[in-house]
Amino acid sequence: MGYRSELEARVAKKTTKAIVDYQMIEDGDRVMVGLSGGKDSWALLNILDVLRKRAPIQFSLVAVCVDSGYDGYRHDLIASTCDQRGWDALIAIGWSIQQPRPRHPQAASEHDRSRLKKTAASRRR
């Protein structure tokens, strides 16, 4: 599987080197990426997703966005973009967190799976 561009290949190579050199990600890790909506955080989340699909280890990603409270802040756009790309996302608004159901059940913790089963069962009633 090739990269989409020369730039993506260069960024992936440098990111992989940092991950390996500093032992940043291990098999089974869940990696949280702070997503502000800026270019740098989108780029990091995207390249980690590309590497996740190619890596010899299994790890999952979750994007976390804190609504800064500025007028016009589009946390809804961030959430919908993550959903379209198949990324788990947590959106913190004020003092609450909107947590969509994990896309990959194996990536959810045992507590999350138990809570999701209870929620699904209550919806069927």
PDB file of N, CA and C in Angstrom:
ATOM      1  N   MET A   1       0.866  -1.175   0.000  1.00  0.00           N
ATOM      2  CA  MET A   1       0.000   0.000   0.000  1.00  0.00           C
ATOM      3  C   MET A   1       0.907   1.230   0.000  1.00  0.00           C
ATOM      4  N   GLY A   2       0.788   2.064  -1.016  1.00  0.00           N
ATOM      5  CA  GLY A   2       1.601   3.260  -1.111  1.00  0.00           C
ATOM      6  C   GLY A   2       0.955   4.449  -0.422  1.00  0.00           C
ATOM      7  N   TYR A   3       1.725   5.482  -0.285  1.00  0.00           N
ATOM      8  CA  TYR A   3       1.201   6.725   0.289  1.00  0.00           C
ATOM      9  C   TYR A   3       0.550   7.544  -0.812  1.00  0.00           C
ATOM     10  N   ARG A   4      -0.321   8.465  -0.418  1.00  0.00           N
ATOM     11  CA  ARG A   4      -1.052   9.263  -1.400  1.00  0.00           C
ATOM     12  C   ARG A   4      -0.186  10.331  -2.056  1.00  0.00           C
ATOM     13  N   SER A   5       0.886  10.731  -1.391  1.00  0.00           N
ATOM     14  CA  SER A   5       1.756  11.762  -1.957  1.00  0.00           C
ATOM     15  C   SER A   5       3.147  11.632  -1.380  1.00  0.00           C
ATOM     16  N   GLU A   6       4.083  12.315  -1.986  1.00  0.00           N
ATOM     17  CA  GLU A   6       5.461  12.339  -1.483  1.00  0.00           C
ATOM     18  C   GLU A   6       5.512  12.993  -0.104  1.00  0.00           C
ATOM     19  N   LEU A   7       4.715  14.029   0.084  1.00  0.00           N
ATOM     20  CA  LEU A   7       4.667  14.695   1.390  1.00  0.00           C
ATOM     21  C   LEU A   7       4.173  13.731   2.467  1.00  0.00           C
ATOM     22  N   GLU A   8       3.100  12.992   2.179  1.00  0.00           N
ATOM     23  CA  GLU A   8       2.585  12.037   3.150  1.00  0.00           C
ATOM     24  C   GLU A   8       3.648  10.987   3.475  1.00  0.00           C
ATOM     25  N   ALA A   9       4.380  10.539   2.482  1.00  0.00           N
ATOM     26  CA  ALA A   9       5.439   9.547   2.692  1.00  0.00           C
ATOM     27  C   ALA A   9       6.538  10.111   3.600  1.00  0.00           C
ATOM     28  N   ARG A  10       6.946  11.353   3.367  1.00  0.00           N
ATOM     29  CA  ARG A  10       7.995  11.974   4.195  1.00  0.00           C
ATOM     30  C   ARG A  10       7.532  12.145   5.633  1.00  0.00           C
ATOM     31  N   VAL A  11       6.299  12.629   5.815  1.00  0.00           N
ATOM     32  CA  VAL A  11       5.764  12.829   7.165  1.00  0.00           C
ATOM     33  C   VAL A  11       5.621  11.481   7.869  1.00  0.00           C
ATOM     34  N   ALA A  12       5.155  10.474   7.161  1.00  0.00           N
ATOM     35  CA  ALA A  12       4.989   9.141   7.744  1.00  0.00           C
ATOM     36  C   ALA A  12       6.339   8.573   8.181  1.00  0.00           C
ATOM     37  N   LYS A  13       7.349   8.758   7.372  1.00  0.00           N
ATOM     38  CA  LYS A  13       8.685   8.241   7.703  1.00  0.00           C
ATOM     39  C   LYS A  13       9.225   8.906   8.967  1.00  0.00           C
ATOM     40  N   LYS A  14       9.099  10.227   9.046  1.00  0.00           N
ATOM     41  CA  LYS A  14       9.598  10.950  10.229  1.00  0.00           C
ATOM     42  C   LYS A  14       8.782  10.613  11.477  1.00  0.00           C
ATOM     43  N   THR A  15       7.472  10.473  11.319  1.00  0.00           N
ATOM     44  CA  THR A  15       6.611  10.131  12.446  1.00  0.00           C
ATOM     45  C   THR A  15       6.920   8.723  12.935  1.00  0.00           C
ATOM     46  N   THR A  16       7.100   7.793  12.009  1.00  0.00           N
ATOM     47  CA  THR A  16       7.446   6.418  12.371  1.00  0.00           C
ATOM     48  C   THR A  16       8.771   6.379  13.122  1.00  0.00           C
ATOM     49  N   LYS A  17       9.745   7.138  12.647  1.00  0.00           N
ATOM     50  CA  LYS A  17      11.056   7.176  13.315  1.00  0.00           C
ATOM     51  C   LYS A  17      10.912   7.666  14.755  1.00  0.00           C
ATOM     52  N   ALA A  18      10.135   8.722  14.967  1.00  0.00           N
ATOM     53  CA  ALA A  18       9.932   9.248  16.323  1.00  0.00           C
ATOM     54  C   ALA A  18       9.219   8.218  17.208  1.00  0.00           C
ATOM     55  N   ILE A  19       8.202   7.568  16.663  1.00  0.00           N
ATOM     56  CA  ILE A  19       7.453   6.563  17.430  1.00  0.00           C
ATOM     57  C   ILE A  19       8.371   5.423  17.858  1.00  0.00           C
ATOM     58  N   VAL A  20       9.204   4.963  16.933  1.00  0.00           N
ATOM     59  CA  VAL A  20      10.110   3.849  17.227  1.00  0.00           C
ATOM     60  C   VAL A  20      11.233   4.299  18.170  1.00  0.00           C
ATOM     61  N   ASP A  21      11.875   5.411  17.854  1.00  0.00           N
ATOM     62  CA  ASP A  21      13.012   5.890  18.661  1.00  0.00           C
ATOM     63  C   ASP A  21      12.633   6.145  20.114  1.00  0.00           C
ATOM     64  N   TYR A  22      11.449   6.681  20.335  1.00  0.00           N
ATOM     65  CA  TYR A  22      11.021   7.044  21.687  1.00  0.00           C
ATOM     66  C   TYR A  22       9.996   6.080  22.277  1.00  0.00           C
ATOM     67  N   GLN A  23       9.781   4.954  21.592  1.00  0.00           N
ATOM     68  CA  GLN A  23       8.857   3.913  22.055  1.00  0.00           C
ATOM     69  C   GLN A  23       7.520   4.520  22.493  1.00  0.00           C
ATOM     70  N   MET A  24       6.941   5.317  21.608  1.00  0.00           N
ATOM     71  CA  MET A  24       5.732   6.073  21.929  1.00  0.00           C
ATOM     72  C   MET A  24       4.449   5.253  21.887  1.00  0.00           C
ATOM     73  N   ILE A  25       4.403   4.223  21.057  1.00  0.00           N
ATOM     74  CA  ILE A  25       3.180   3.425  20.897  1.00  0.00           C
ATOM     75  C   ILE A  25       3.549   1.956  20.982  1.00  0.00           C
ATOM     76  N   GLU A  26       2.768   1.215  21.775  1.00  0.00           N
ATOM     77  CA  GLU A  26       2.974  -0.223  21.909  1.00  0.00           C
ATOM     78  C   GLU A  26       1.706  -0.956  21.461  1.00  0.00           C
ATOM     79  N   ASP A  27       1.861  -2.242  21.246  1.00  0.00           N
ATOM     80  CA  ASP A  27       0.736  -3.069  20.823  1.00  0.00           C
ATOM     81  C   ASP A  27      -0.413  -2.950  21.829  1.00  0.00           C
ATOM     82  N   GLY A  28      -1.617  -2.687  21.312  1.00  0.00           N
ATOM     83  CA  GLY A  28      -2.811  -2.589  22.150  1.00  0.00           C
ATOM     84  C   GLY A  28      -3.086  -1.202  22.713  1.00  0.00           C
ATOM     85  N   ASP A  29      -2.207  -0.238  22.459  1.00  0.00           N
ATOM     86  CA  ASP A  29      -2.411   1.117  22.987  1.00  0.00           C
ATOM     87  C   ASP A  29      -3.626   1.782  22.358  1.00  0.00           C
ATOM     88  N   ARG A  30      -4.215   2.690  23.111  1.00  0.00           N
ATOM     89  CA  ARG A  30      -5.256   3.594  22.605  1.00  0.00           C
ATOM     90  C   ARG A  30      -4.634   4.976  22.680  1.00  0.00           C
ATOM     91  N   VAL A  31      -4.457   5.608  21.533  1.00  0.00           N
ATOM     92  CA  VAL A  31      -3.745   6.879  21.443  1.00  0.00           C
ATOM     93  C   VAL A  31      -4.748   8.020  21.353  1.00  0.00           C
ATOM     94  N   MET A  32      -4.647   8.948  22.290  1.00  0.00           N
ATOM     95  CA  MET A  32      -5.531  10.109  22.306  1.00  0.00           C
ATOM     96  C   MET A  32      -4.819  11.270  21.604  1.00  0.00           C
ATOM     97  N   VAL A  33      -5.511  11.874  20.652  1.00  0.00           N
ATOM     98  CA  VAL A  33      -4.965  13.014  19.920  1.00  0.00           C
ATOM     99  C   VAL A  33      -5.831  14.225  20.221  1.00  0.00           C
ATOM    100  N   GLY A  34      -5.214  15.273  20.766  1.00  0.00           N
ATOM    101  CA  GLY A  34      -5.935  16.520  21.008  1.00  0.00           C
ATOM    102  C   GLY A  34      -6.225  17.182  19.671  1.00  0.00           C
ATOM    103  N   LEU A  35      -7.501  17.375  19.385  1.00  0.00           N
ATOM    104  CA  LEU A  35      -7.909  17.903  18.078  1.00  0.00           C
ATOM    105  C   LEU A  35      -8.547  19.274  18.258  1.00  0.00           C
ATOM    106  N   SER A  36      -7.797  20.310  17.879  1.00  0.00           N
ATOM    107  CA  SER A  36      -8.297  21.674  18.019  1.00  0.00           C
ATOM    108  C   SER A  36      -9.105  22.114  16.800  1.00  0.00           C
ATOM    109  N   GLY A  37      -8.872  21.446  15.693  1.00  0.00           N
ATOM    110  CA  GLY A  37      -9.488  21.857  14.438  1.00  0.00           C
ATOM    111  C   GLY A  37      -8.489  22.553  13.542  1.00  0.00           C
ATOM    112  N   GLY A  38      -7.281  22.813  14.070  1.00  0.00           N
ATOM    113  CA  GLY A  38      -6.218  23.430  13.272  1.00  0.00           C
ATOM    114  C   GLY A  38      -5.525  22.410  12.380  1.00  0.00           C
ATOM    115  N   LYS A  39      -4.724  22.922  11.451  1.00  0.00           N
ATOM    116  CA  LYS A  39      -4.068  22.045  10.477  1.00  0.00           C
ATOM    117  C   LYS A  39      -3.129  21.043  11.122  1.00  0.00           C
ATOM    118  N   ASP A  40      -2.415  21.467  12.169  1.00  0.00           N
ATOM    119  CA  ASP A  40      -1.427  20.567  12.765  1.00  0.00           C
ATOM    120  C   ASP A  40      -2.077  19.369  13.452  1.00  0.00           C
ATOM    121  N   SER A  41      -3.157  19.588  14.188  1.00  0.00           N
ATOM    122  CA  SER A  41      -3.789  18.453  14.873  1.00  0.00           C
ATOM    123  C   SER A  41      -4.500  17.534  13.877  1.00  0.00           C
ATOM    124  N   TRP A  42      -5.094  18.098  12.810  1.00  0.00           N
ATOM    125  CA  TRP A  42      -5.699  17.251  11.774  1.00  0.00           C
ATOM    126  C   TRP A  42      -4.619  16.415  11.092  1.00  0.00           C
ATOM    127  N   ALA A  43      -3.471  17.039  10.806  1.00  0.00           N
ATOM    128  CA  ALA A  43      -2.375  16.328  10.140  1.00  0.00           C
ATOM    129  C   ALA A  43      -1.866  15.184  11.016  1.00  0.00           C
ATOM    130  N   LEU A  44      -1.710  15.439  12.327  1.00  0.00           N
ATOM    131  CA  LEU A  44      -1.238  14.397  13.234  1.00  0.00           C
ATOM    132  C   LEU A  44      -2.225  13.233  13.284  1.00  0.00           C
ATOM    133  N   LEU A  45      -3.499  13.533  13.444  1.00  0.00           N
ATOM    134  CA  LEU A  45      -4.510  12.474  13.506  1.00  0.00           C
ATOM    135  C   LEU A  45      -4.529  11.681  12.196  1.00  0.00           C
ATOM    136  N   ASN A  46      -4.443  12.364  11.082  1.00  0.00           N
ATOM    137  CA  ASN A  46      -4.468  11.697   9.784  1.00  0.00           C
ATOM    138  C   ASN A  46      -3.257  10.786   9.605  1.00  0.00           C
ATOM    139  N   ILE A  47      -2.059  11.271   9.915  1.00  0.00           N
ATOM    140  CA  ILE A  47      -0.864  10.449   9.685  1.00  0.00           C
ATOM    141  C   ILE A  47      -0.838   9.266  10.652  1.00  0.00           C
ATOM    142  N   LEU A  48      -1.314   9.457  11.878  1.00  0.00           N
ATOM    143  CA  LEU A  48      -1.387   8.318  12.799  1.00  0.00           C
ATOM    144  C   LEU A  48      -2.380   7.270  12.298  1.00  0.00           C
ATOM    145  N   ASP A  49      -3.462   7.713  11.675  1.00  0.00           N
ATOM    146  CA  ASP A  49      -4.424   6.775  11.106  1.00  0.00           C
ATOM    147  C   ASP A  49      -3.800   6.011   9.942  1.00  0.00           C
ATOM    148  N   VAL A  50      -3.058   6.704   9.099  1.00  0.00           N
ATOM    149  CA  VAL A  50      -2.367   6.045   7.983  1.00  0.00           C
ATOM    150  C   VAL A  50      -1.385   5.008   8.528  1.00  0.00           C
ATOM    151  N   LEU A  51      -0.612   5.396   9.541  1.00  0.00           N
ATOM    152  CA  LEU A  51       0.374   4.477  10.114  1.00  0.00           C
ATOM    153  C   LEU A  51      -0.296   3.309  10.847  1.00  0.00           C
ATOM    154  N   ARG A  52      -1.426   3.574  11.492  1.00  0.00           N
ATOM    155  CA  ARG A  52      -2.157   2.525  12.205  1.00  0.00           C
ATOM    156  C   ARG A  52      -2.547   1.403  11.248  1.00  0.00           C
ATOM    157  N   LYS A  53      -2.950   1.769  10.052  1.00  0.00           N
ATOM    158  CA  LYS A  53      -3.377   0.774   9.061  1.00  0.00           C
ATOM    159  C   LYS A  53      -2.200  -0.041   8.523  1.00  0.00           C
ATOM    160  N   ARG A  54      -0.982   0.507   8.611  1.00  0.00           N
ATOM    161  CA  ARG A  54       0.198  -0.152   8.065  1.00  0.00           C
ATOM    162  C   ARG A  54       1.070  -0.807   9.124  1.00  0.00           C
ATOM    163  N   ALA A  55       0.841  -0.495  10.382  1.00  0.00           N
ATOM    164  CA  ALA A  55       1.733  -0.905  11.466  1.00  0.00           C
ATOM    165  C   ALA A  55       1.694  -2.410  11.722  1.00  0.00           C
ATOM    166  N   PRO A  56       2.817  -2.959  12.177  1.00  0.00           N
ATOM    167  CA  PRO A  56       2.838  -4.381  12.542  1.00  0.00           C
ATOM    168  C   PRO A  56       2.192  -4.639  13.906  1.00  0.00           C
ATOM    169  N   ILE A  57       1.782  -3.587  14.590  1.00  0.00           N
ATOM    170  CA  ILE A  57       1.105  -3.711  15.884  1.00  0.00           C
ATOM    171  C   ILE A  57      -0.305  -3.150  15.754  1.00  0.00           C
ATOM    172  N   GLN A  58      -1.147  -3.477  16.722  1.00  0.00           N
ATOM    173  CA  GLN A  58      -2.514  -2.970  16.751  1.00  0.00           C
ATOM    174  C   GLN A  58      -2.588  -1.817  17.745  1.00  0.00           C
ATOM    175  N   PHE A  59      -3.133  -0.697  17.326  1.00  0.00           N
ATOM    176  CA  PHE A  59      -3.436   0.395  18.249  1.00  0.00           C
ATOM    177  C   PHE A  59      -4.637   1.141  17.703  1.00  0.00           C
ATOM    178  N   SER A  60      -5.322   1.830  18.586  1.00  0.00           N
ATOM    179  CA  SER A  60      -6.504   2.571  18.163  1.00  0.00           C
ATOM    180  C   SER A  60      -6.305   4.052  18.468  1.00  0.00           C
ATOM    181  N   LEU A  61      -7.140   4.866  17.848  1.00  0.00           N
ATOM    182  CA  LEU A  61      -7.052   6.313  18.000  1.00  0.00           C
ATOM    183  C   LEU A  61      -8.372   6.866  18.521  1.00  0.00           C
ATOM    184  N   VAL A  62      -8.269   7.917  19.296  1.00  0.00           N
ATOM    185  CA  VAL A  62      -9.453   8.672  19.689  1.00  0.00           C
ATOM    186  C   VAL A  62      -9.082  10.155  19.637  1.00  0.00           C
ATOM    187  N   ALA A  63      -9.896  10.926  18.942  1.00  0.00           N
ATOM    188  CA  ALA A  63      -9.700  12.370  18.865  1.00  0.00           C
ATOM    189  C   ALA A  63     -10.461  13.015  20.014  1.00  0.00           C
ATOM    190  N   VAL A  64      -9.808  13.941  20.711  1.00  0.00           N
ATOM    191  CA  VAL A  64     -10.452  14.647  21.814  1.00  0.00           C
ATOM    192  C   VAL A  64     -10.417  16.139  21.504  1.00  0.00           C
ATOM    193  N   CYS A  65     -11.591  16.744  21.524  1.00  0.00           N
ATOM    194  CA  CYS A  65     -11.730  18.161  21.207  1.00  0.00           C
ATOM    195  C   CYS A  65     -12.418  18.863  22.372  1.00  0.00           C
ATOM    196  N   VAL A  66     -11.825  19.932  22.836  1.00  0.00           N
ATOM    197  CA  VAL A  66     -12.425  20.728  23.899  1.00  0.00           C
ATOM    198  C   VAL A  66     -12.966  22.008  23.272  1.00  0.00           C
ATOM    199  N   ASP A  67     -14.266  22.186  23.365  1.00  0.00           N
ATOM    200  CA  ASP A  67     -14.894  23.401  22.836  1.00  0.00           C
ATOM    201  C   ASP A  67     -14.397  24.575  23.672  1.00  0.00           C
ATOM    202  N   SER A  68     -13.692  25.463  23.029  1.00  0.00           N
ATOM    203  CA  SER A  68     -13.071  26.585  23.738  1.00  0.00           C
ATOM    204  C   SER A  68     -14.066  27.668  24.139  1.00  0.00           C
ATOM    205  N   GLY A  69     -15.282  27.573  23.663  1.00  0.00           N
ATOM    206  CA  GLY A  69     -16.303  28.536  24.036  1.00  0.00           C
ATOM    207  C   GLY A  69     -16.323  29.787  23.166  1.00  0.00           C
ATOM    208  N   TYR A  70     -15.472  29.843  22.152  1.00  0.00           N
ATOM    209  CA  TYR A  70     -15.471  30.993  21.246  1.00  0.00           C
ATOM    210  C   TYR A  70     -16.709  30.949  20.363  1.00  0.00           C
ATOM    211  N   ASP A  71     -17.257  32.123  20.080  1.00  0.00           N
ATOM    212  CA  ASP A  71     -18.375  32.193  19.146  1.00  0.00           C
ATOM    213  C   ASP A  71     -17.939  31.637  17.799  1.00  0.00           C
ATOM    214  N   GLY A  72     -18.764  30.800  17.245  1.00  0.00           N
ATOM    215  CA  GLY A  72     -18.474  30.247  15.935  1.00  0.00           C
ATOM    216  C   GLY A  72     -17.591  29.013  15.951  1.00  0.00           C
ATOM    217  N   TYR A  73     -17.195  28.535  17.129  1.00  0.00           N
ATOM    218  CA  TYR A  73     -16.371  27.327  17.202  1.00  0.00           C
ATOM    219  C   TYR A  73     -17.197  26.146  16.716  1.00  0.00           C
ATOM    220  N   ARG A  74     -16.706  25.425  15.741  1.00  0.00           N
ATOM    221  CA  ARG A  74     -17.493  24.390  15.060  1.00  0.00           C
ATOM    222  C   ARG A  74     -17.155  22.985  15.547  1.00  0.00           C
ATOM    223  N   HIS A  75     -17.436  22.701  16.796  1.00  0.00           N
ATOM    224  CA  HIS A  75     -17.198  21.342  17.291  1.00  0.00           C
ATOM    225  C   HIS A  75     -18.071  20.339  16.559  1.00  0.00           C
ATOM    226  N   ASP A  76     -19.236  20.779  16.068  1.00  0.00           N
ATOM    227  CA  ASP A  76     -20.100  19.878  15.306  1.00  0.00           C
ATOM    228  C   ASP A  76     -19.440  19.457  14.000  1.00  0.00           C
ATOM    229  N   LEU A  77     -18.713  20.377  13.374  1.00  0.00           N
ATOM    230  CA  LEU A  77     -18.000  20.072  12.140  1.00  0.00           C
ATOM    231  C   LEU A  77     -16.848  19.103  12.417  1.00  0.00           C
ATOM    232  N   ILE A  78     -16.162  19.303  13.536  1.00  0.00           N
ATOM    233  CA  ILE A  78     -15.076  18.401  13.920  1.00  0.00           C
ATOM    234  C   ILE A  78     -15.636  17.003  14.163  1.00  0.00           C
ATOM    235  N   ALA A  79     -16.733  16.906  14.907  1.00  0.00           N
ATOM    236  CA  ALA A  79     -17.341  15.608  15.207  1.00  0.00           C
ATOM    237  C   ALA A  79     -17.808  14.908  13.928  1.00  0.00           C
ATOM    238  N   SER A  80     -18.442  15.648  13.025  1.00  0.00           N
ATOM    239  CA  SER A  80     -18.947  15.016  11.799  1.00  0.00           C
ATOM    240  C   SER A  80     -17.799  14.583  10.878  1.00  0.00           C
ATOM    241  N   THR A  81     -16.726  15.358  10.830  1.00  0.00           N
ATOM    242  CA  THR A  81     -15.574  14.978  10.006  1.00  0.00           C
ATOM    243  C   THR A  81     -14.927  13.710  10.559  1.00  0.00           C
ATOM    244  N   CYS A  82     -14.769  13.639  11.879  1.00  0.00           N
ATOM    245  CA  CYS A  82     -14.219  12.424  12.500  1.00  0.00           C
ATOM    246  C   CYS A  82     -15.107  11.230  12.182  1.00  0.00           C
ATOM    247  N   ASP A  83     -16.418  11.417  12.288  1.00  0.00           N
ATOM    248  CA  ASP A  83     -17.353  10.339  11.997  1.00  0.00           C
ATOM    249  C   ASP A  83     -17.233   9.877  10.547  1.00  0.00           C
ATOM    250  N   GLN A  84     -17.129  10.821   9.615  1.00  0.00           N
ATOM    251  CA  GLN A  84     -16.999  10.481   8.201  1.00  0.00           C
ATOM    252  C   GLN A  84     -15.728   9.686   7.927  1.00  0.00           C
ATOM    253  N   ARG A  85     -14.673   9.971   8.680  1.00  0.00           N
ATOM    254  CA  ARG A  85     -13.392   9.283   8.464  1.00  0.00           C
ATOM    255  C   ARG A  85     -13.254   8.021   9.305  1.00  0.00           C
ATOM    256  N   GLY A  86     -14.278   7.739  10.115  1.00  0.00           N
ATOM    257  CA  GLY A  86     -14.257   6.518  10.904  1.00  0.00           C
ATOM    258  C   GLY A  86     -13.433   6.601  12.168  1.00  0.00           C
ATOM    259  N   TRP A  87     -13.218   7.812  12.670  1.00  0.00           N
ATOM    260  CA  TRP A  87     -12.413   8.003  13.881  1.00  0.00           C
ATOM    261  C   TRP A  87     -13.324   8.194  15.079  1.00  0.00           C
ATOM    262  N   ASP A  88     -12.964   7.545  16.211  1.00  0.00           N
ATOM    263  CA  ASP A  88     -13.661   7.807  17.464  1.00  0.00           C
ATOM    264  C   ASP A  88     -13.343   9.241  17.880  1.00  0.00           C
ATOM    265  N   ALA A  89     -14.318   9.918  18.484  1.00  0.00           N
ATOM    266  CA  ALA A  89     -14.097  11.301  18.908  1.00  0.00           C
ATOM    267  C   ALA A  89     -14.844  11.579  20.198  1.00  0.00           C
ATOM    268  N   LEU A  90     -14.213  12.338  21.068  1.00  0.00           N
ATOM    269  CA  LEU A  90     -14.846  12.850  22.275  1.00  0.00           C
ATOM    270  C   LEU A  90     -14.857  14.364  22.157  1.00  0.00           C
ATOM    271  N   ILE A  91     -16.020  14.965  22.356  1.00  0.00           N
ATOM    272  CA  ILE A  91     -16.145  16.418  22.272  1.00  0.00           C
ATOM    273  C   ILE A  91     -16.527  16.930  23.655  1.00  0.00           C
ATOM    274  N   ALA A  92     -15.664  17.705  24.287  1.00  0.00           N
ATOM    275  CA  ALA A  92     -15.940  18.268  25.612  1.00  0.00           C
ATOM    276  C   ALA A  92     -16.529  19.665  25.435  1.00  0.00           C
ATOM    277  N   ILE A  93     -17.752  19.840  25.912  1.00  0.00           N
ATOM    278  CA  ILE A  93     -18.440  21.128  25.811  1.00  0.00           C
ATOM    279  C   ILE A  93     -18.754  21.589  27.220  1.00  0.00           C
ATOM    280  N   GLY A  94     -18.178  22.714  27.615  1.00  0.00           N
ATOM    281  CA  GLY A  94     -18.368  23.181  28.984  1.00  0.00           C
ATOM    282  C   GLY A  94     -17.814  22.150  29.940  1.00  0.00           C
ATOM    283  N   TRP A  95     -18.659  21.655  30.830  1.00  0.00           N
ATOM    284  CA  TRP A  95     -18.221  20.662  31.806  1.00  0.00           C
ATOM    285  C   TRP A  95     -18.707  19.265  31.468  1.00  0.00           C
ATOM    286  N   SER A  96     -19.242  19.080  30.264  1.00  0.00           N
ATOM    287  CA  SER A  96     -19.728  17.753  29.893  1.00  0.00           C
ATOM    288  C   SER A  96     -18.952  17.226  28.695  1.00  0.00           C
ATOM    289  N   ILE A  97     -19.023  15.926  28.508  1.00  0.00           N
ATOM    290  CA  ILE A  97     -18.376  15.295  27.353  1.00  0.00           C
ATOM    291  C   ILE A  97     -19.432  14.561  26.560  1.00  0.00           C
ATOM    292  N   GLN A  98     -19.501  14.865  25.265  1.00  0.00           N
ATOM    293  CA  GLN A  98     -20.378  14.123  24.363  1.00  0.00           C
ATOM    294  C   GLN A  98     -19.541  12.980  23.811  1.00  0.00           C
ATOM    295  N   GLN A  99     -19.918  11.765  24.131  1.00  0.00           N
ATOM    296  CA  GLN A  99     -19.123  10.609  23.747  1.00  0.00           C
ATOM    297  C   GLN A  99     -19.913   9.713  22.815  1.00  0.00           C
ATOM    298  N   PRO A 100     -19.586   9.748  21.528  1.00  0.00           N
ATOM    299  CA  PRO A 100     -20.255   8.834  20.612  1.00  0.00           C
ATOM    300  C   PRO A 100     -19.808   7.398  20.879  1.00  0.00           C
ATOM    301  N   ARG A 101     -20.619   6.463  20.434  1.00  0.00           N
ATOM    302  CA  ARG A 101     -20.276   5.054  20.603  1.00  0.00           C
ATOM    303  C   ARG A 101     -18.992   4.748  19.839  1.00  0.00           C
ATOM    304  N   PRO A 102     -18.056   3.982  20.439  1.00  0.00           N
ATOM    305  CA  PRO A 102     -16.827   3.620  19.720  1.00  0.00           C
ATOM    306  C   PRO A 102     -17.150   2.885  18.425  1.00  0.00           C
ATOM    307  N   ARG A 103     -16.403   3.181  17.377  1.00  0.00           N
ATOM    308  CA  ARG A 103     -16.609   2.541  16.090  1.00  0.00           C
ATOM    309  C   ARG A 103     -16.103   1.102  16.102  1.00  0.00           C
ATOM    310  N   HIS A 104     -15.092   0.836  16.885  1.00  0.00           N
ATOM    311  CA  HIS A 104     -14.476  -0.483  16.907  1.00  0.00           C
ATOM    312  C   HIS A 104     -14.654  -1.074  18.299  1.00  0.00           C
ATOM    313  N   PRO A 105     -15.557  -2.064  18.468  1.00  0.00           N
ATOM    314  CA  PRO A 105     -15.823  -2.613  19.801  1.00  0.00           C
ATOM    315  C   PRO A 105     -14.570  -3.112  20.500  1.00  0.00           C
ATOM    316  N   GLN A 106     -13.585  -3.646  19.752  1.00  0.00           N
ATOM    317  CA  GLN A 106     -12.371  -4.134  20.384  1.00  0.00           C
ATOM    318  C   GLN A 106     -11.561  -2.985  20.973  1.00  0.00           C
ATOM    319  N   ALA A 107     -11.785  -1.764  20.520  1.00  0.00           N
ATOM    320  CA  ALA A 107     -11.045  -0.616  21.040  1.00  0.00           C
ATOM    321  C   ALA A 107     -11.678  -0.067  22.320  1.00  0.00           C
ATOM    322  N   ALA A 108     -12.907  -0.426  22.590  1.00  0.00           N
ATOM    323  CA  ALA A 108     -13.589   0.073  23.777  1.00  0.00           C
ATOM    324  C   ALA A 108     -13.130  -0.704  25.004  1.00  0.00           C
ATOM    325  N   SER A 109     -13.105  -0.035  26.128  1.00  0.00           N
ATOM    326  CA  SER A 109     -12.739  -0.712  27.370  1.00  0.00           C
ATOM    327  C   SER A 109     -13.880  -1.622  27.801  1.00  0.00           C
ATOM    328  N   GLU A 110     -13.594  -2.523  28.719  1.00  0.00           N
ATOM    329  CA  GLU A 110     -14.630  -3.429  29.235  1.00  0.00           C
ATOM    330  C   GLU A 110     -15.781  -2.625  29.829  1.00  0.00           C
ATOM    331  N   HIS A 111     -15.453  -1.547  30.557  1.00  0.00           N
ATOM    332  CA  HIS A 111     -16.484  -0.682  31.139  1.00  0.00           C
ATOM    333  C   HIS A 111     -17.362  -0.082  30.042  1.00  0.00           C
ATOM    334  N   ASP A 112     -16.728   0.406  28.959  1.00  0.00           N
ATOM    335  CA  ASP A 112     -17.480   0.996  27.850  1.00  0.00           C
ATOM    336  C   ASP A 112     -18.386  -0.049  27.199  1.00  0.00           C
ATOM    337  N   ARG A 113     -17.875  -1.270  26.979  1.00  0.00           N
ATOM    338  CA  ARG A 113     -18.677  -2.320  26.342  1.00  0.00           C
ATOM    339  C   ARG A 113     -19.891  -2.664  27.208  1.00  0.00           C
ATOM    340  N   SER A 114     -19.668  -2.743  28.530  1.00  0.00           N
ATOM    341  CA  SER A 114     -20.764  -3.041  29.438  1.00  0.00           C
ATOM    342  C   SER A 114     -21.822  -1.948  29.382  1.00  0.00           C
ATOM    343  N   ARG A 115     -21.381  -0.681  29.386  1.00  0.00           N
ATOM    344  CA  ARG A 115     -22.298   0.456  29.338  1.00  0.00           C
ATOM    345  C   ARG A 115     -23.061   0.468  28.013  1.00  0.00           C
ATOM    346  N   LEU A 116     -22.374   0.147  26.911  1.00  0.00           N
ATOM    347  CA  LEU A 116     -23.028   0.134  25.602  1.00  0.00           C
ATOM    348  C   LEU A 116     -24.078  -0.972  25.523  1.00  0.00           C
ATOM    349  N   LYS A 117     -23.791  -2.143  26.120  1.00  0.00           N
ATOM    350  CA  LYS A 117     -24.762  -3.233  26.115  1.00  0.00           C
ATOM    351  C   LYS A 117     -26.016  -2.833  26.887  1.00  0.00           C
ATOM    352  N   LYS A 118     -25.825  -2.174  28.035  1.00  0.00           N
ATOM    353  CA  LYS A 118     -26.965  -1.739  28.838  1.00  0.00           C
ATOM    354  C   LYS A 118     -27.791  -0.709  28.079  1.00  0.00           C
ATOM    355  N   THR A 119     -27.106   0.227  27.400  1.00  0.00           N
ATOM    356  CA  THR A 119     -27.806   1.262  26.631  1.00  0.00           C
ATOM    357  C   THR A 119     -28.578   0.626  25.480  1.00  0.00           C
ATOM    358  N   ALA A 120     -27.957  -0.320  24.775  1.00  0.00           N
ATOM    359  CA  ALA A 120     -28.614  -0.971  23.648  1.00  0.00           C
ATOM    360  C   ALA A 120     -29.823  -1.762  24.132  1.00  0.00           C
ATOM    361  N   ALA A 121     -29.690  -2.441  25.275  1.00  0.00           N
ATOM    362  CA  ALA A 121     -30.804  -3.231  25.813  1.00  0.00           C
ATOM    363  C   ALA A 121     -31.968  -2.335  26.203  1.00  0.00           C
ATOM    364  N   SER A 122     -31.667  -1.179  26.793  1.00  0.00           N
ATOM    365  CA  SER A 122     -32.750  -0.267  27.201  1.00  0.00           C
ATOM    366  C   SER A 122     -33.450   0.339  25.992  1.00  0.00           C
ATOM    367  N   ARG A 123     -32.765   0.503  24.886  1.00  0.00           N
ATOM    368  CA  ARG A 123     -33.383   1.053  23.677  1.00  0.00           C
ATOM    369  C   ARG A 123     -34.327   0.049  23.027  1.00  0.00           C
ATOM    370  N   ARG A 124     -34.052  -1.240  23.205  1.00  0.00           N
ATOM    371  CA  ARG A 124     -34.878  -2.278  22.591  1.00  0.00           C
ATOM    372  C   ARG A 124     -36.208  -2.439  23.319  1.00  0.00           C
ATOM    373  N   ARG A 125     -36.272  -1.988  24.556  1.00  0.00           N
ATOM    374  CA  ARG A 125     -37.511  -2.150  25.346  1.00  0.00           C
ATOM    375  C   ARG A 125     -38.591  -1.253  24.893  1.00  0.00           C
TER     376      ARG A 125
END
